Amino acid sequence: MRYLLDTHIYFWYRSSPQRLSPALLDVLTDRSQEILISVATPWELAIKTGSGKLDAAQLLVDFEMRETAAGFIIAEVRTAQAVRSGLLPPHHRDPFDRLLVAQALDLRIPIISSDPVLDLYGVKRIWD
């Protein structure tokens, strides 16, 4: 199965995995699953780290090399996904979340997220 990670799930997985259920940790560590990390994730982490809202500096060092070596797939943003994110209904004001929703919808894959607002977009959300 393929999944897209919401940024907060990625951050929790790397910084405080106890916040995730054992079942979700099993999915994230199962090499038979295709876990995608959007290129928007390190971008969002960098912006929040640069503004002082988050301390993710260590996670940003060699991000792509580390995560691909761990078996994750980096999902590039397609132009159509960027456009779609801007045209989505304004249920969510966070542009990063909107972009992740657009990617999940375009790729027809579920997103792993604790954010119930994403359900309003009709994306399949995994959280447990």
Foldseek 3Di string as FASTA:
>chain_A
DEEEEDLVCVVCVVPPVVVADPVVVCQVQDLVYAYEYEPLNLVVVVVCCVVVNDPCVVCNVCVVVVQVVSNYHYDYQDPVLLVQLVVQPPLDVDSSVSSSLSVCVVVVHAYEDPDPSSVVRVGHYDGD
